[in-house]
Amino acid sequence: MLFENGVAIDRIVGFEELGGEDDFPTMNLTRRLVKGGVLIAKNKSEAGSIRVNRGRHGGAASDSDD
């Protein structure tokens, strides 16, 4: 949950917005928090778009249990 002055303004559920895995780059979380309005970007890198790597081979993420 993202809060501003005690009021919930956004939420992040799971890792989908951060790269789909729990070892996402910290910059992805920083950019998401900037986008959510709870952080102010210090530079263009922090304000940049969130890059999500979809799967290990560059394709769409797989939902299989293989």
C-alpha atoms as a PDB file:
ATOM      1  CA  MET A   1       0.000   0.000   0.000  1.00  0.00           C
ATOM      2  CA  LEU A   2       1.197   3.485  -0.821  1.00  0.00           C
ATOM      3  CA  PHE A   3       0.099   6.137   1.656  1.00  0.00           C
ATOM      4  CA  GLU A   4       0.114   9.921   1.570  1.00  0.00           C
ATOM      5  CA  ASN A   5      -0.754  11.730   4.796  1.00  0.00           C
ATOM      6  CA  GLY A   6      -2.269   8.547   6.192  1.00  0.00           C
ATOM      7  CA  VAL A   7      -4.510   7.956   3.158  1.00  0.00           C
ATOM      8  CA  ALA A   8      -3.992   4.948   0.850  1.00  0.00           C
ATOM      9  CA  ILE A   9      -3.396   6.318  -2.656  1.00  0.00           C
ATOM     10  CA  ASP A  10      -2.130   3.251  -4.530  1.00  0.00           C
ATOM     11  CA  ARG A  11      -1.062  -0.337  -4.064  1.00  0.00           C
ATOM     12  CA  ILE A  12       1.380  -2.801  -5.526  1.00  0.00           C
ATOM     13  CA  VAL A  13       0.155  -6.394  -5.606  1.00  0.00           C
ATOM     14  CA  GLY A  14       2.679  -9.142  -6.281  1.00  0.00           C
ATOM     15  CA  PHE A  15       5.724  -8.685  -8.480  1.00  0.00           C
ATOM     16  CA  GLU A  16       4.087  -8.203 -11.898  1.00  0.00           C
ATOM     17  CA  GLU A  17       4.728  -4.452 -12.040  1.00  0.00           C
ATOM     18  CA  LEU A  18       8.296  -4.937 -10.818  1.00  0.00           C
ATOM     19  CA  GLY A  19       9.490  -7.608 -13.227  1.00  0.00           C
ATOM     20  CA  GLY A  20       7.475 -10.695 -12.348  1.00  0.00           C
ATOM     21  CA  GLU A  21      10.074 -12.201  -9.997  1.00  0.00           C
ATOM     22  CA  ASP A  22      11.204 -11.469  -6.465  1.00  0.00           C
ATOM     23  CA  ASP A  23      14.741 -10.542  -7.597  1.00  0.00           C
ATOM     24  CA  PHE A  24      13.644  -7.423  -9.515  1.00  0.00           C
ATOM     25  CA  PRO A  25      16.037  -4.460  -9.874  1.00  0.00           C
ATOM     26  CA  THR A  26      15.677  -1.910  -7.075  1.00  0.00           C
ATOM     27  CA  MET A  27      15.286   0.811  -9.715  1.00  0.00           C
ATOM     28  CA  ASN A  28      11.997  -0.824 -10.799  1.00  0.00           C
ATOM     29  CA  LEU A  29      10.612  -0.332  -7.284  1.00  0.00           C
ATOM     30  CA  THR A  30      11.956   3.226  -7.145  1.00  0.00           C
ATOM     31  CA  ARG A  31      10.288   4.088 -10.457  1.00  0.00           C
ATOM     32  CA  ARG A  32       7.017   2.497  -9.357  1.00  0.00           C
ATOM     33  CA  LEU A  33       7.032   4.531  -6.129  1.00  0.00           C
ATOM     34  CA  VAL A  34       7.730   7.699  -8.141  1.00  0.00           C
ATOM     35  CA  LYS A  35       4.845   6.812 -10.467  1.00  0.00           C
ATOM     36  CA  GLY A  36       2.623   6.208  -7.416  1.00  0.00           C
ATOM     37  CA  GLY A  37       3.441   9.661  -6.086  1.00  0.00           C
ATOM     38  CA  VAL A  38       5.118   8.699  -2.819  1.00  0.00           C
ATOM     39  CA  LEU A  39       8.679   9.521  -3.947  1.00  0.00           C
ATOM     40  CA  ILE A  40      10.078  12.440  -5.887  1.00  0.00           C
ATOM     41  CA  ALA A  41      12.558  11.453  -8.605  1.00  0.00           C
ATOM     42  CA  LYS A  42      16.079  12.826  -8.077  1.00  0.00           C
ATOM     43  CA  ASN A  43      17.113  12.310 -11.704  1.00  0.00           C
ATOM     44  CA  LYS A  44      15.908  11.120 -15.115  1.00  0.00           C
ATOM     45  CA  SER A  45      16.859   7.512 -14.306  1.00  0.00           C
ATOM     46  CA  GLU A  46      14.506   7.387 -11.326  1.00  0.00           C
ATOM     47  CA  ALA A  47      11.733   9.103 -13.280  1.00  0.00           C
ATOM     48  CA  GLY A  48      12.135   6.756 -16.268  1.00  0.00           C
ATOM     49  CA  SER A  49       9.728   4.060 -17.323  1.00  0.00           C
ATOM     50  CA  ILE A  50       9.647   0.699 -15.600  1.00  0.00           C
ATOM     51  CA  ARG A  51      11.172  -2.035 -17.729  1.00  0.00           C
ATOM     52  CA  VAL A  52       9.624  -5.437 -17.146  1.00  0.00           C
ATOM     53  CA  ASN A  53      11.513  -8.456 -18.444  1.00  0.00           C
ATOM     54  CA  ARG A  54       8.883 -10.943 -19.578  1.00  0.00           C
ATOM     55  CA  GLY A  55      10.422 -14.378 -19.161  1.00  0.00           C
ATOM     56  CA  ARG A  56      13.966 -15.655 -19.496  1.00  0.00           C
ATOM     57  CA  HIS A  57      14.012 -15.757 -23.303  1.00  0.00           C
ATOM     58  CA  GLY A  58      12.639 -12.274 -23.942  1.00  0.00           C
ATOM     59  CA  GLY A  59       9.133 -13.517 -24.741  1.00  0.00           C
ATOM     60  CA  ALA A  60       5.948 -13.346 -22.724  1.00  0.00           C
ATOM     61  CA  ALA A  61       6.084 -14.551 -19.144  1.00  0.00           C
ATOM     62  CA  SER A  62       4.951 -18.109 -18.711  1.00  0.00           C
ATOM     63  CA  ASP A  63       2.352 -19.190 -16.179  1.00  0.00           C
ATOM     64  CA  SER A  64       3.333 -22.855 -16.406  1.00  0.00           C
ATOM     65  CA  ASP A  65       4.774 -24.772 -13.468  1.00  0.00           C
ATOM     66  CA  ASP A  66       7.484 -26.360 -15.643  1.00  0.00           C
END
